[in-house]
């Protein structure tokens, strides 16, 4: 039996790809790319750590294992959110 149309997604955030250059994530149906150059917190993370992301309040991404928090708007308007990386 084949479904006439795909079902509704139950996940509001999903990491769809990890490449040598960064991460692709699908957030509420919209795809975003986070390069390791602009988001260095993910560069040395494990695949499991990157995939364990939660969307809180519909606007806040949280990677608890990595202690990383990002607002979805910062992915849309990176120039408005200067990032600071402290190693």
Protein backbone atom coordinates (compact mmCIF):
# COMPACT_ATOMS: atom_id res chain seq x y z
CA UNK A 1 0.00 0.00 0.00
CA UNK A 2 1.29 3.44 -0.89
CA UNK A 3 0.28 6.68 0.81
CA UNK A 4 -1.30 9.31 -1.41
CA UNK A 5 0.71 12.05 0.29
CA UNK A 6 3.48 12.08 2.88
CA UNK A 7 2.48 12.41 6.51
CA UNK A 8 2.99 15.50 8.59
CA UNK A 9 6.48 15.84 10.04
CA UNK A 10 6.62 15.30 13.79
CA UNK A 11 10.09 16.81 14.12
CA UNK A 12 10.45 20.57 14.11
CA UNK A 13 14.24 20.42 13.81
CA UNK A 14 16.36 17.82 12.06
CA UNK A 15 20.03 17.78 11.11
CA UNK A 16 19.85 16.51 7.54
CA UNK A 17 23.52 16.52 6.58
CA UNK A 18 26.97 17.03 8.05
CA UNK A 19 29.64 17.87 5.48
CA UNK A 20 33.33 18.82 5.77
CA UNK A 21 32.17 22.45 5.52
CA UNK A 22 29.28 22.54 7.96
CA UNK A 23 25.83 21.38 8.94
CA UNK A 24 22.49 21.40 7.11
CA UNK A 25 19.41 21.57 9.31
CA UNK A 26 15.71 21.52 8.53
CA UNK A 27 13.86 23.78 10.96
CA UNK A 28 10.07 23.91 10.72
CA UNK A 29 10.26 23.10 7.01
CA UNK A 30 13.01 25.64 6.20
CA UNK A 31 16.56 24.53 5.39
CA UNK A 32 19.61 26.28 6.87
CA UNK A 33 23.36 25.83 6.42
CA UNK A 34 25.71 26.50 9.33
CA UNK A 35 29.29 26.62 8.14
CA UNK A 36 32.03 25.57 10.54
CA UNK A 37 33.73 28.89 9.80
CA UNK A 38 30.75 30.86 11.13
CA UNK A 39 29.69 28.27 13.73
CA UNK A 40 32.97 26.77 15.01
CA UNK A 41 31.34 25.07 18.01
CA UNK A 42 30.29 22.19 15.79
CA UNK A 43 33.57 21.51 13.99
CA UNK A 44 34.97 19.01 16.50
CA UNK A 45 31.64 17.71 17.78
CA UNK A 46 30.61 14.12 17.26
CA UNK A 47 27.83 13.21 14.87
CA UNK A 48 25.67 12.18 17.84
CA UNK A 49 26.25 15.52 19.60
CA UNK A 50 25.26 17.46 16.48
CA UNK A 51 22.12 15.41 15.97
CA UNK A 52 20.95 15.93 19.57
CA UNK A 53 19.32 19.32 19.02
CA UNK A 54 16.04 20.61 20.37
CA UNK A 55 13.82 23.43 19.19
CA UNK A 56 12.51 25.31 22.21
CA UNK A 57 9.60 27.77 22.05
CA UNK A 58 9.66 27.50 18.24
CA UNK A 59 12.58 29.93 17.93
CA UNK A 60 15.46 28.66 20.04
CA UNK A 61 17.88 25.86 19.08
CA UNK A 62 19.62 24.08 21.94
CA UNK A 63 22.51 21.61 21.73
CA UNK A 64 22.78 20.69 25.43
CA UNK A 65 25.75 18.34 24.93
CA UNK A 66 27.73 21.17 23.33
CA UNK A 67 26.35 24.01 25.48
CA UNK A 68 25.32 25.84 22.29
CA UNK A 69 22.19 27.99 22.00
CA UNK A 70 21.13 29.76 18.80
CA UNK A 71 18.07 31.78 17.91
CA UNK A 72 16.55 30.70 14.58
CA UNK A 73 16.50 34.36 13.47
CA UNK A 74 20.30 34.41 13.76
CA UNK A 75 20.46 31.79 11.00
CA UNK A 76 18.26 33.95 8.77
CA UNK A 77 20.04 37.24 9.56
CA UNK A 78 23.59 36.36 10.57
CA UNK A 79 24.77 39.96 10.13
CA UNK A 80 22.48 41.07 12.98
CA UNK A 81 24.02 38.59 15.41
CA UNK A 82 27.78 38.91 15.65
CA UNK A 83 29.06 35.66 17.06
CA UNK A 84 31.90 35.37 19.51
CA UNK A 85 33.86 32.18 19.88
CA UNK A 86 35.94 31.69 23.00
CA UNK A 87 38.06 28.57 23.12
